[in-house]
């Protein structure tokens, strides 16, 4: 229980109070639609708008978990490797809370040939301010499962409930039109509804 409390405390800090828009994406590390959205919509939008767009990654999707006295076990829509990839990203979200650190790493992983195992390579390629050892310690220890469980609790608590992946909210609110349009034209959604007056539009 202590590790769960730690995870919740750490994850609550991953927000940027000065951002104009908080975009939350609930996704899976091996879901083709998730990969396409992160690579072709989300990361380009973040590179365009910078600090005006705060991205909150939630790599869990349609996964589930069971608990025993000494373990948490996950089942994922695309198999065990996806669970590993989700956990790797959950660990990196905790290790790299700054937007300028985590967004490039998630993008690097999601565009890799096989995202679940790309974390170490991306850390090294981007000279990220964490280490492969820190990532592996998180995944192999109790912290990784605890962090992924926190994401699971949040994902399962969504109102309305998540029915597809990826699932996108703006400023904590789900709007079906904005969600569906963002999958193909995120910049258009941001410029038409959330960042209309910004010069990037």
N, C-alpha and C. Protein backbone atom coordinates (compact mmCIF):
# COMPACT_ATOMS: atom_id res chain seq x y z
N UNK A 1 0.81 -1.20 0.00
CA UNK A 1 0.00 0.00 0.00
C UNK A 1 0.85 1.27 0.00
N UNK A 2 1.98 1.23 0.67
CA UNK A 2 2.84 2.40 0.73
C UNK A 2 3.33 2.79 -0.65
N UNK A 3 3.65 1.79 -1.50
CA UNK A 3 4.14 2.10 -2.84
C UNK A 3 3.03 2.74 -3.68
N UNK A 4 1.76 2.32 -3.48
CA UNK A 4 0.67 2.93 -4.22
C UNK A 4 0.55 4.40 -3.85
N UNK A 5 0.65 4.70 -2.56
CA UNK A 5 0.55 6.10 -2.13
C UNK A 5 1.67 6.93 -2.73
N UNK A 6 2.87 6.37 -2.79
CA UNK A 6 4.00 7.07 -3.40
C UNK A 6 3.71 7.36 -4.86
N UNK A 7 3.19 6.36 -5.55
CA UNK A 7 2.92 6.53 -6.97
C UNK A 7 1.90 7.63 -7.20
N UNK A 8 0.84 7.65 -6.40
CA UNK A 8 -0.20 8.66 -6.55
C UNK A 8 0.38 10.05 -6.31
N UNK A 9 1.20 10.18 -5.28
CA UNK A 9 1.81 11.47 -4.98
C UNK A 9 2.68 11.95 -6.12
N UNK A 10 3.47 11.07 -6.69
CA UNK A 10 4.36 11.45 -7.77
C UNK A 10 3.59 11.81 -9.03
N UNK A 11 2.57 11.02 -9.36
CA UNK A 11 1.83 11.27 -10.58
C UNK A 11 1.03 12.55 -10.51
N UNK A 12 0.58 12.95 -9.33
CA UNK A 12 -0.19 14.19 -9.20
C UNK A 12 0.63 15.41 -9.57
N UNK A 13 1.96 15.27 -9.55
CA UNK A 13 2.81 16.41 -9.85
C UNK A 13 3.05 16.63 -11.33
N UNK A 14 2.58 15.75 -12.21
CA UNK A 14 2.90 15.85 -13.62
C UNK A 14 1.86 16.70 -14.34
N UNK A 15 1.80 17.99 -13.99
CA UNK A 15 0.95 18.94 -14.67
C UNK A 15 1.69 20.26 -14.77
N UNK A 16 1.22 21.11 -15.68
CA UNK A 16 1.82 22.42 -15.84
C UNK A 16 0.75 23.48 -15.65
N UNK A 17 0.82 24.18 -14.52
CA UNK A 17 -0.26 25.10 -14.16
C UNK A 17 -0.40 26.24 -15.16
N UNK A 18 0.67 26.62 -15.85
CA UNK A 18 0.63 27.77 -16.74
C UNK A 18 0.20 27.42 -18.16
N UNK A 19 -0.03 26.16 -18.46
CA UNK A 19 -0.44 25.77 -19.80
C UNK A 19 -1.84 26.29 -20.11
N UNK A 20 -2.07 26.65 -21.38
CA UNK A 20 -3.40 27.08 -21.80
C UNK A 20 -4.35 25.90 -21.98
N UNK A 21 -3.80 24.76 -22.36
CA UNK A 21 -4.61 23.56 -22.59
C UNK A 21 -3.92 22.36 -21.96
N UNK A 22 -4.67 21.61 -21.19
CA UNK A 22 -4.21 20.31 -20.70
C UNK A 22 -4.87 19.24 -21.55
N UNK A 23 -4.08 18.52 -22.33
CA UNK A 23 -4.59 17.44 -23.17
C UNK A 23 -4.15 16.12 -22.55
N UNK A 24 -5.12 15.27 -22.27
CA UNK A 24 -4.82 13.96 -21.70
C UNK A 24 -5.13 12.89 -22.73
N UNK A 25 -4.17 12.02 -22.96
CA UNK A 25 -4.36 10.93 -23.91
C UNK A 25 -4.22 9.59 -23.19
N UNK A 26 -5.28 8.80 -23.25
CA UNK A 26 -5.30 7.45 -22.70
C UNK A 26 -5.04 6.51 -23.88
N UNK A 27 -4.01 5.70 -23.80
CA UNK A 27 -3.56 4.96 -24.98
C UNK A 27 -2.86 3.67 -24.58
N UNK A 28 -2.38 2.92 -25.58
CA UNK A 28 -1.67 1.67 -25.36
C UNK A 28 -0.41 1.65 -26.21
N UNK A 29 0.62 1.03 -25.71
CA UNK A 29 1.93 1.11 -26.36
C UNK A 29 2.01 0.32 -27.67
N UNK A 30 1.10 -0.62 -27.90
CA UNK A 30 1.12 -1.40 -29.14
C UNK A 30 -0.14 -1.21 -29.98
N UNK A 31 -0.98 -0.30 -29.63
CA UNK A 31 -2.20 -0.03 -30.38
C UNK A 31 -1.85 0.81 -31.61
N UNK A 32 -2.14 0.33 -32.82
CA UNK A 32 -1.80 1.10 -34.02
C UNK A 32 -2.39 2.50 -34.04
N UNK A 33 -3.65 2.65 -33.59
CA UNK A 33 -4.26 3.97 -33.57
C UNK A 33 -3.58 4.88 -32.56
N UNK A 34 -3.15 4.32 -31.43
CA UNK A 34 -2.42 5.10 -30.44
C UNK A 34 -1.09 5.58 -31.01
N UNK A 35 -0.39 4.67 -31.67
CA UNK A 35 0.90 5.02 -32.27
C UNK A 35 0.72 6.14 -33.29
N UNK A 36 -0.26 6.00 -34.16
CA UNK A 36 -0.50 7.01 -35.19
C UNK A 36 -0.83 8.36 -34.58
N UNK A 37 -1.63 8.38 -33.53
CA UNK A 37 -2.04 9.64 -32.92
C UNK A 37 -0.87 10.33 -32.23
N UNK A 38 -0.09 9.57 -31.48
CA UNK A 38 1.06 10.17 -30.81
C UNK A 38 2.08 10.69 -31.82
N UNK A 39 2.37 9.89 -32.83
CA UNK A 39 3.43 10.23 -33.78
C UNK A 39 3.02 11.34 -34.74
N UNK A 40 1.79 11.28 -35.24
CA UNK A 40 1.40 12.18 -36.32
C UNK A 40 0.54 13.37 -35.88
N UNK A 41 -0.01 13.32 -34.68
CA UNK A 41 -0.86 14.41 -34.21
C UNK A 41 -0.33 15.06 -32.93
N UNK A 42 -0.12 14.23 -31.91
CA UNK A 42 0.19 14.78 -30.59
C UNK A 42 1.56 15.43 -30.53
N UNK A 43 2.58 14.71 -30.94
CA UNK A 43 3.93 15.28 -30.83
C UNK A 43 4.11 16.49 -31.75
N UNK A 44 3.65 16.46 -33.00
CA UNK A 44 3.76 17.67 -33.81
C UNK A 44 3.03 18.86 -33.20
N UNK A 45 1.87 18.63 -32.59
CA UNK A 45 1.14 19.73 -31.96
C UNK A 45 1.93 20.28 -30.77
N UNK A 46 2.51 19.41 -29.99
CA UNK A 46 3.29 19.88 -28.85
C UNK A 46 4.53 20.66 -29.31
N UNK A 47 5.20 20.20 -30.35
CA UNK A 47 6.37 20.93 -30.84
C UNK A 47 5.96 22.29 -31.39
N UNK A 48 4.75 22.40 -31.90
CA UNK A 48 4.27 23.67 -32.43
C UNK A 48 3.89 24.65 -31.31
N UNK A 49 3.12 24.18 -30.35
CA UNK A 49 2.58 25.07 -29.32
C UNK A 49 3.44 25.16 -28.07
N UNK A 50 4.34 24.21 -27.87
CA UNK A 50 5.24 24.27 -26.72
C UNK A 50 4.49 24.31 -25.40
N UNK A 51 4.88 25.24 -24.53
CA UNK A 51 4.35 25.29 -23.17
C UNK A 51 2.87 25.62 -23.11
N UNK A 52 2.29 26.05 -24.21
CA UNK A 52 0.85 26.34 -24.21
C UNK A 52 0.03 25.05 -24.18
N UNK A 53 0.65 23.94 -24.52
CA UNK A 53 -0.02 22.64 -24.57
C UNK A 53 0.66 21.68 -23.60
N UNK A 54 -0.03 21.32 -22.54
CA UNK A 54 0.49 20.39 -21.56
C UNK A 54 -0.09 19.01 -21.84
N UNK A 55 0.77 18.06 -22.16
CA UNK A 55 0.34 16.72 -22.54
C UNK A 55 0.46 15.78 -21.34
N UNK A 56 -0.61 15.11 -21.02
CA UNK A 56 -0.63 14.12 -19.93
C UNK A 56 -0.82 12.74 -20.55
N UNK A 57 0.23 11.94 -20.52
CA UNK A 57 0.19 10.59 -21.10
C UNK A 57 -0.33 9.59 -20.08
N UNK A 58 -1.24 8.74 -20.52
CA UNK A 58 -1.82 7.71 -19.65
C UNK A 58 -1.78 6.36 -20.38
N UNK A 59 -0.63 5.68 -20.36
CA UNK A 59 -0.48 4.43 -21.12
C UNK A 59 -1.09 3.22 -20.41
N UNK A 60 -2.38 3.04 -20.59
CA UNK A 60 -3.06 1.90 -19.98
C UNK A 60 -4.15 1.35 -20.90
N UNK A 61 -5.04 2.20 -21.37
CA UNK A 61 -6.06 1.80 -22.33
C UNK A 61 -7.04 0.79 -21.78
N UNK A 62 -7.25 -0.29 -22.52
CA UNK A 62 -8.23 -1.31 -22.15
C UNK A 62 -7.62 -2.45 -21.34
N UNK A 63 -6.54 -2.18 -20.69
CA UNK A 63 -5.88 -3.19 -19.85
C UNK A 63 -6.68 -3.42 -18.56
N UNK A 64 -6.26 -4.43 -17.83
CA UNK A 64 -6.87 -4.71 -16.53
C UNK A 64 -5.81 -5.30 -15.62
N UNK A 65 -6.12 -5.51 -14.36
CA UNK A 65 -5.15 -6.05 -13.43
C UNK A 65 -5.83 -6.84 -12.33
N UNK A 66 -5.04 -7.73 -11.74
CA UNK A 66 -5.46 -8.47 -10.55
C UNK A 66 -4.36 -8.32 -9.51
N UNK A 67 -4.74 -8.41 -8.26
CA UNK A 67 -3.78 -8.22 -7.17
C UNK A 67 -3.80 -9.41 -6.22
N UNK A 68 -2.62 -9.75 -5.74
CA UNK A 68 -2.46 -10.70 -4.65
C UNK A 68 -1.72 -9.98 -3.53
N UNK A 69 -1.39 -10.71 -2.49
CA UNK A 69 -0.71 -10.07 -1.35
C UNK A 69 0.65 -9.51 -1.74
N UNK A 70 1.30 -10.10 -2.74
CA UNK A 70 2.66 -9.68 -3.04
C UNK A 70 2.91 -9.33 -4.51
N UNK A 71 1.84 -9.18 -5.31
CA UNK A 71 2.07 -8.89 -6.73
C UNK A 71 0.85 -8.25 -7.36
N UNK A 72 1.09 -7.54 -8.45
CA UNK A 72 0.04 -7.00 -9.31
C UNK A 72 0.30 -7.56 -10.70
N UNK A 73 -0.69 -8.20 -11.29
CA UNK A 73 -0.52 -8.76 -12.62
C UNK A 73 -1.48 -8.07 -13.59
N UNK A 74 -0.97 -7.75 -14.78
CA UNK A 74 -1.73 -7.00 -15.76
C UNK A 74 -2.04 -7.85 -16.98
N UNK A 75 -3.18 -7.61 -17.59
CA UNK A 75 -3.53 -8.18 -18.88
C UNK A 75 -3.83 -7.02 -19.83
N UNK A 76 -3.33 -7.11 -21.04
CA UNK A 76 -3.45 -6.00 -21.98
C UNK A 76 -4.05 -6.46 -23.30
N UNK A 77 -4.65 -5.51 -24.01
CA UNK A 77 -5.38 -5.81 -25.23
C UNK A 77 -4.50 -6.47 -26.29
N UNK A 78 -3.22 -6.06 -26.33
CA UNK A 78 -2.31 -6.60 -27.34
C UNK A 78 -1.23 -7.50 -26.74
N UNK A 79 -1.52 -8.08 -25.59
CA UNK A 79 -0.64 -9.08 -25.02
C UNK A 79 0.36 -8.57 -24.00
N UNK A 80 1.21 -9.50 -23.53
CA UNK A 80 2.14 -9.20 -22.44
C UNK A 80 3.14 -8.12 -22.81
N UNK A 81 3.59 -8.11 -24.05
CA UNK A 81 4.57 -7.09 -24.44
C UNK A 81 3.99 -5.69 -24.31
N UNK A 82 2.71 -5.56 -24.61
CA UNK A 82 2.09 -4.24 -24.45
C UNK A 82 2.06 -3.83 -22.98
N UNK A 83 1.78 -4.78 -22.09
CA UNK A 83 1.82 -4.47 -20.66
C UNK A 83 3.22 -3.98 -20.26
N UNK A 84 4.24 -4.64 -20.80
CA UNK A 84 5.62 -4.22 -20.51
C UNK A 84 5.86 -2.80 -21.03
N UNK A 85 5.40 -2.54 -22.26
CA UNK A 85 5.59 -1.21 -22.82
C UNK A 85 4.82 -0.14 -22.06
N UNK A 86 3.59 -0.45 -21.65
CA UNK A 86 2.83 0.49 -20.84
C UNK A 86 3.55 0.79 -19.54
N UNK A 87 4.09 -0.25 -18.91
CA UNK A 87 4.78 -0.05 -17.64
C UNK A 87 6.07 0.75 -17.83
N UNK A 88 6.79 0.47 -18.91
CA UNK A 88 8.00 1.24 -19.18
C UNK A 88 7.68 2.72 -19.31
N UNK A 89 6.59 3.03 -20.00
CA UNK A 89 6.23 4.44 -20.15
C UNK A 89 5.72 5.02 -18.84
N UNK A 90 5.01 4.23 -18.05
CA UNK A 90 4.58 4.70 -16.73
C UNK A 90 5.79 5.06 -15.88
N UNK A 91 6.82 4.23 -15.94
CA UNK A 91 8.05 4.52 -15.20
C UNK A 91 8.71 5.80 -15.70
N UNK A 92 8.76 5.96 -17.01
CA UNK A 92 9.40 7.15 -17.57
C UNK A 92 8.62 8.41 -17.26
N UNK A 93 7.31 8.32 -17.19
CA UNK A 93 6.51 9.48 -16.79
C UNK A 93 6.88 9.94 -15.39
N UNK A 94 7.22 8.98 -14.56
CA UNK A 94 7.63 9.31 -13.19
C UNK A 94 9.06 9.81 -13.14
N UNK A 95 9.94 9.22 -13.95
CA UNK A 95 11.35 9.60 -13.96
C UNK A 95 11.59 10.93 -14.66
N UNK A 96 10.71 11.29 -15.59
CA UNK A 96 10.89 12.49 -16.43
C UNK A 96 9.63 13.35 -16.39
N UNK A 97 9.38 14.02 -15.28
CA UNK A 97 8.12 14.78 -15.17
C UNK A 97 8.05 16.02 -16.05
N UNK A 98 9.18 16.56 -16.51
CA UNK A 98 9.15 17.78 -17.32
C UNK A 98 8.66 17.47 -18.73
N UNK A 99 7.79 18.31 -19.25
CA UNK A 99 7.27 18.13 -20.60
C UNK A 99 8.38 18.04 -21.64
N UNK A 100 9.40 18.87 -21.49
CA UNK A 100 10.49 18.89 -22.47
C UNK A 100 11.32 17.62 -22.46
N UNK A 101 11.19 16.82 -21.41
CA UNK A 101 11.91 15.54 -21.33
C UNK A 101 11.03 14.37 -21.74
N UNK A 102 9.79 14.34 -21.22
CA UNK A 102 8.97 13.15 -21.43
C UNK A 102 8.36 13.10 -22.82
N UNK A 103 7.94 14.22 -23.39
CA UNK A 103 7.28 14.17 -24.70
C UNK A 103 8.19 13.62 -25.79
N UNK A 104 9.45 14.05 -25.89
CA UNK A 104 10.33 13.46 -26.91
C UNK A 104 10.58 11.97 -26.69
N UNK A 105 10.66 11.53 -25.44
CA UNK A 105 10.91 10.11 -25.17
C UNK A 105 9.70 9.26 -25.57
N UNK A 106 8.50 9.70 -25.22
CA UNK A 106 7.31 8.93 -25.61
C UNK A 106 7.18 8.89 -27.13
N UNK A 107 7.42 10.01 -27.78
CA UNK A 107 7.38 10.04 -29.24
C UNK A 107 8.41 9.08 -29.83
N UNK A 108 9.61 9.11 -29.31
CA UNK A 108 10.68 8.23 -29.78
C UNK A 108 10.28 6.77 -29.63
N UNK A 109 9.69 6.42 -28.50
CA UNK A 109 9.27 5.03 -28.27
C UNK A 109 8.14 4.63 -29.21
N UNK A 110 7.16 5.50 -29.37
CA UNK A 110 5.98 5.12 -30.14
C UNK A 110 6.28 5.02 -31.63
N UNK A 111 7.30 5.72 -32.12
CA UNK A 111 7.63 5.62 -33.54
C UNK A 111 8.68 4.54 -33.81
N UNK A 112 9.15 3.90 -32.77
CA UNK A 112 10.16 2.85 -32.92
C UNK A 112 9.56 1.61 -33.58
N UNK A 113 10.44 0.74 -34.07
CA UNK A 113 9.98 -0.49 -34.72
C UNK A 113 9.17 -1.35 -33.76
N UNK A 114 9.54 -1.36 -32.48
CA UNK A 114 8.79 -2.12 -31.48
C UNK A 114 8.76 -1.32 -30.18
N UNK A 115 7.73 -0.50 -29.98
CA UNK A 115 7.70 0.45 -28.87
C UNK A 115 7.95 -0.12 -27.47
N UNK A 116 7.45 -1.32 -27.13
CA UNK A 116 7.63 -1.77 -25.74
C UNK A 116 9.08 -1.82 -25.27
N UNK A 117 10.02 -2.10 -26.18
CA UNK A 117 11.40 -2.27 -25.75
C UNK A 117 12.30 -1.11 -26.18
N UNK A 118 11.70 0.00 -26.59
CA UNK A 118 12.49 1.11 -27.14
C UNK A 118 12.93 2.12 -26.08
N UNK A 119 12.51 1.95 -24.84
CA UNK A 119 12.80 2.94 -23.81
C UNK A 119 14.27 3.22 -23.61
N UNK A 120 15.05 2.18 -23.46
CA UNK A 120 16.48 2.36 -23.22
C UNK A 120 17.17 3.06 -24.38
N UNK A 121 16.86 2.63 -25.59
CA UNK A 121 17.45 3.25 -26.77
C UNK A 121 17.08 4.73 -26.85
N UNK A 122 15.84 5.06 -26.57
CA UNK A 122 15.41 6.46 -26.64
C UNK A 122 16.06 7.31 -25.56
N UNK A 123 16.22 6.76 -24.37
CA UNK A 123 16.92 7.49 -23.31
C UNK A 123 18.32 7.87 -23.77
N UNK A 124 19.00 6.93 -24.38
CA UNK A 124 20.38 7.18 -24.81
C UNK A 124 20.44 8.10 -26.01
N UNK A 125 19.57 7.91 -26.99
CA UNK A 125 19.58 8.75 -28.19
C UNK A 125 19.30 10.21 -27.86
N UNK A 126 18.41 10.44 -26.90
CA UNK A 126 18.01 11.80 -26.56
C UNK A 126 18.82 12.40 -25.42
N UNK A 127 19.82 11.66 -24.93
CA UNK A 127 20.60 12.11 -23.77
C UNK A 127 19.65 12.55 -22.65
N UNK A 128 18.67 11.72 -22.39
CA UNK A 128 17.62 12.04 -21.43
C UNK A 128 18.19 12.11 -20.01
N UNK A 129 17.64 12.99 -19.16
CA UNK A 129 18.15 13.13 -17.79
C UNK A 129 17.68 12.03 -16.85
N UNK A 130 17.67 10.80 -17.32
CA UNK A 130 17.52 9.63 -16.48
C UNK A 130 18.45 8.58 -17.07
N UNK A 131 18.33 7.34 -16.64
CA UNK A 131 19.25 6.31 -17.13
C UNK A 131 18.48 5.04 -17.44
N UNK A 132 19.09 4.20 -18.27
CA UNK A 132 18.50 2.90 -18.56
C UNK A 132 18.40 2.08 -17.28
N UNK A 133 19.39 2.18 -16.42
CA UNK A 133 19.35 1.44 -15.15
C UNK A 133 18.16 1.86 -14.30
N UNK A 134 17.89 3.16 -14.24
CA UNK A 134 16.75 3.65 -13.46
C UNK A 134 15.44 3.12 -14.04
N UNK A 135 15.34 3.10 -15.35
CA UNK A 135 14.14 2.57 -15.99
C UNK A 135 13.97 1.10 -15.67
N UNK A 136 15.03 0.32 -15.80
CA UNK A 136 14.92 -1.12 -15.55
C UNK A 136 14.64 -1.41 -14.09
N UNK A 137 15.23 -0.66 -13.18
CA UNK A 137 14.95 -0.84 -11.76
C UNK A 137 13.47 -0.62 -11.48
N UNK A 138 12.89 0.38 -12.13
CA UNK A 138 11.46 0.67 -11.93
C UNK A 138 10.61 -0.47 -12.47
N UNK A 139 10.90 -0.94 -13.67
CA UNK A 139 10.10 -2.00 -14.29
C UNK A 139 10.20 -3.30 -13.50
N UNK A 140 11.40 -3.64 -13.06
CA UNK A 140 11.62 -4.94 -12.40
C UNK A 140 11.26 -4.94 -10.92
N UNK A 141 11.12 -3.77 -10.32
CA UNK A 141 10.82 -3.68 -8.90
C UNK A 141 9.33 -3.56 -8.64
N UNK A 142 8.98 -3.00 -7.50
CA UNK A 142 7.57 -2.83 -7.14
C UNK A 142 7.01 -1.50 -7.64
N UNK A 143 7.89 -0.57 -7.97
CA UNK A 143 7.43 0.77 -8.35
C UNK A 143 6.67 0.76 -9.67
N UNK A 144 7.21 0.05 -10.68
CA UNK A 144 6.56 0.02 -11.98
C UNK A 144 5.13 -0.48 -11.93
N UNK A 145 4.88 -1.65 -11.33
CA UNK A 145 3.50 -2.12 -11.21
C UNK A 145 2.60 -1.15 -10.45
N UNK A 146 3.13 -0.52 -9.40
CA UNK A 146 2.33 0.44 -8.64
C UNK A 146 1.96 1.64 -9.48
N UNK A 147 2.91 2.14 -10.26
CA UNK A 147 2.64 3.28 -11.12
C UNK A 147 1.61 2.94 -12.20
N UNK A 148 1.73 1.75 -12.78
CA UNK A 148 0.79 1.35 -13.83
C UNK A 148 -0.60 1.13 -13.23
N UNK A 149 -0.66 0.63 -12.03
CA UNK A 149 -1.95 0.45 -11.37
C UNK A 149 -2.64 1.79 -11.15
N UNK A 150 -1.88 2.82 -10.77
CA UNK A 150 -2.46 4.16 -10.61
C UNK A 150 -3.12 4.61 -11.91
N UNK A 151 -2.42 4.39 -13.03
CA UNK A 151 -2.99 4.74 -14.33
C UNK A 151 -4.24 3.93 -14.62
N UNK A 152 -4.23 2.67 -14.20
CA UNK A 152 -5.40 1.82 -14.39
C UNK A 152 -6.60 2.31 -13.61
N UNK A 153 -6.39 2.68 -12.38
CA UNK A 153 -7.49 3.20 -11.55
C UNK A 153 -8.07 4.45 -12.21
N UNK A 154 -7.20 5.35 -12.65
CA UNK A 154 -7.68 6.57 -13.30
C UNK A 154 -8.45 6.26 -14.58
N UNK A 155 -7.89 5.37 -15.40
CA UNK A 155 -8.53 5.04 -16.67
C UNK A 155 -9.90 4.39 -16.45
N UNK A 156 -9.99 3.49 -15.49
CA UNK A 156 -11.25 2.81 -15.22
C UNK A 156 -12.28 3.73 -14.57
N UNK A 157 -11.82 4.87 -14.06
CA UNK A 157 -12.73 5.81 -13.38
C UNK A 157 -13.24 6.90 -14.31
N UNK A 158 -12.85 6.87 -15.58
CA UNK A 158 -13.26 7.92 -16.51
C UNK A 158 -14.78 7.98 -16.65
N UNK A 159 -15.28 9.21 -16.72
CA UNK A 159 -16.69 9.46 -16.99
C UNK A 159 -16.78 10.48 -18.13
N UNK A 160 -17.33 10.09 -19.29
CA UNK A 160 -17.83 8.75 -19.61
C UNK A 160 -16.70 7.73 -19.70
N UNK A 161 -17.06 6.47 -19.61
CA UNK A 161 -16.07 5.41 -19.64
C UNK A 161 -15.38 5.33 -20.99
N UNK A 162 -14.10 4.99 -20.96
CA UNK A 162 -13.33 4.79 -22.18
C UNK A 162 -13.92 3.62 -22.97
N UNK A 163 -14.18 3.85 -24.26
CA UNK A 163 -14.72 2.78 -25.11
C UNK A 163 -13.82 2.50 -26.31
N UNK A 164 -12.85 3.35 -26.55
CA UNK A 164 -11.91 3.15 -27.65
C UNK A 164 -10.56 3.72 -27.26
N UNK A 165 -9.55 3.32 -28.00
CA UNK A 165 -8.18 3.76 -27.72
C UNK A 165 -7.55 4.24 -29.02
N UNK A 166 -6.93 5.42 -29.02
CA UNK A 166 -6.75 6.33 -27.88
C UNK A 166 -8.03 7.07 -27.52
N UNK A 167 -8.01 7.67 -26.34
CA UNK A 167 -9.15 8.42 -25.78
C UNK A 167 -8.57 9.76 -25.33
N UNK A 168 -9.11 10.85 -25.84
CA UNK A 168 -8.51 12.16 -25.60
C UNK A 168 -9.48 13.08 -24.89
N UNK A 169 -9.00 13.77 -23.86
CA UNK A 169 -9.79 14.80 -23.19
C UNK A 169 -9.03 16.12 -23.24
N UNK A 170 -9.79 17.20 -23.20
CA UNK A 170 -9.22 18.55 -23.18
C UNK A 170 -9.63 19.22 -21.89
N UNK A 171 -8.64 19.65 -21.13
CA UNK A 171 -8.86 20.28 -19.83
C UNK A 171 -9.75 19.42 -18.94
N UNK A 172 -9.51 18.11 -19.00
CA UNK A 172 -10.20 17.17 -18.13
C UNK A 172 -11.61 16.81 -18.56
N UNK A 173 -12.05 17.29 -19.73
CA UNK A 173 -13.42 17.06 -20.19
C UNK A 173 -13.39 16.29 -21.50
N UNK A 174 -14.22 15.25 -21.59
CA UNK A 174 -14.34 14.50 -22.84
C UNK A 174 -15.45 15.10 -23.69
N UNK A 175 -15.10 15.43 -24.94
CA UNK A 175 -16.05 15.89 -25.92
C UNK A 175 -15.89 14.99 -27.14
N UNK A 176 -16.95 14.29 -27.51
CA UNK A 176 -16.84 13.28 -28.56
C UNK A 176 -16.35 13.87 -29.88
N UNK A 177 -16.86 15.03 -30.26
CA UNK A 177 -16.44 15.65 -31.51
C UNK A 177 -14.96 16.03 -31.47
N UNK A 178 -14.54 16.65 -30.37
CA UNK A 178 -13.14 17.04 -30.25
C UNK A 178 -12.23 15.82 -30.27
N UNK A 179 -12.65 14.77 -29.57
CA UNK A 179 -11.86 13.54 -29.54
C UNK A 179 -11.67 12.97 -30.94
N UNK A 180 -12.76 12.78 -31.65
CA UNK A 180 -12.68 12.15 -32.97
C UNK A 180 -11.92 13.04 -33.95
N UNK A 181 -12.15 14.34 -33.91
CA UNK A 181 -11.45 15.24 -34.83
C UNK A 181 -9.96 15.31 -34.52
N UNK A 182 -9.60 15.20 -33.25
CA UNK A 182 -8.19 15.28 -32.86
C UNK A 182 -7.37 14.11 -33.39
N UNK A 183 -8.02 12.99 -33.66
CA UNK A 183 -7.29 11.82 -34.16
C UNK A 183 -6.71 12.08 -35.54
N UNK A 184 -7.30 13.00 -36.29
CA UNK A 184 -6.85 13.29 -37.65
C UNK A 184 -6.37 14.73 -37.84
N UNK A 185 -6.77 15.63 -36.95
CA UNK A 185 -6.39 17.04 -37.10
C UNK A 185 -6.38 17.71 -35.73
N UNK A 186 -5.43 17.33 -34.91
CA UNK A 186 -5.35 17.89 -33.57
C UNK A 186 -5.09 19.39 -33.62
N UNK A 187 -4.20 19.83 -34.49
CA UNK A 187 -3.95 21.27 -34.60
C UNK A 187 -5.24 22.02 -34.91
N UNK A 188 -6.05 21.48 -35.80
CA UNK A 188 -7.30 22.13 -36.14
C UNK A 188 -8.23 22.27 -34.95
N UNK A 189 -8.32 21.23 -34.14
CA UNK A 189 -9.16 21.29 -32.93
C UNK A 189 -8.63 22.34 -31.97
N UNK A 190 -7.32 22.33 -31.74
CA UNK A 190 -6.73 23.30 -30.82
C UNK A 190 -6.93 24.73 -31.31
N UNK A 191 -6.75 24.95 -32.60
CA UNK A 191 -6.86 26.30 -33.13
C UNK A 191 -8.31 26.78 -33.21
N UNK A 192 -9.24 25.86 -33.38
CA UNK A 192 -10.63 26.28 -33.51
C UNK A 192 -11.33 26.46 -32.17
N UNK A 193 -10.84 25.78 -31.11
CA UNK A 193 -11.60 25.79 -29.86
C UNK A 193 -10.80 26.20 -28.62
N UNK A 194 -9.49 25.98 -28.62
CA UNK A 194 -8.75 26.14 -27.37
C UNK A 194 -7.62 27.17 -27.44
N UNK A 195 -7.05 27.35 -28.59
CA UNK A 195 -5.92 28.27 -28.73
C UNK A 195 -6.13 29.21 -29.91
N UNK A 196 -7.36 29.68 -30.06
CA UNK A 196 -7.75 30.43 -31.25
C UNK A 196 -6.88 31.66 -31.49
N UNK A 197 -6.48 32.33 -30.43
CA UNK A 197 -5.77 33.60 -30.59
C UNK A 197 -4.25 33.47 -30.67
N UNK A 198 -3.76 32.24 -30.67
CA UNK A 198 -2.32 32.05 -30.66
C UNK A 198 -1.74 32.21 -32.06
N UNK A 199 -0.54 32.78 -32.17
CA UNK A 199 0.06 33.03 -33.49
C UNK A 199 0.36 31.75 -34.26
N UNK A 200 0.53 30.62 -33.57
CA UNK A 200 0.81 29.36 -34.26
C UNK A 200 -0.37 28.90 -35.11
N UNK A 201 -1.55 29.45 -34.83
CA UNK A 201 -2.74 29.07 -35.59
C UNK A 201 -2.88 29.89 -36.87
